[in-house]
Amino acid sequence: MAEKKSFVIRIKPEMYDALERWAADEFRSVNGQIEYLLDEAIKKQKRYRSKSDEKSGTTDGQEEESN
C-alpha cells in the first residue's frame, strides 16, 4: 500500500457532524469518507496525473498546446 500523507483540516462543526453521519451510513470512518469524496471529485474532474502527464509536465490530464 502506498504511503499516505497526513494533514490538518479545519471545518465547521456542522459539516463534521454531517460527514460523521454520512460515514456511519456507509460504514466508513470520517477520514475514510472524506478520502472517498475527494477521490470521487478528482476522478470526476479528471485531475489524477497519468504517467504521460508526469513525463510531459502537464498538471490536469490535458496535453500541452504547441505555440
Foldseek 3Di string as FASTA:
>chain_A
DDDDDDDDDDDDPVVLVVLCVVCVVVVHHSVVSVVVVVVVVCVVQQQDDDPVCVVQVHGRPDDDDDD
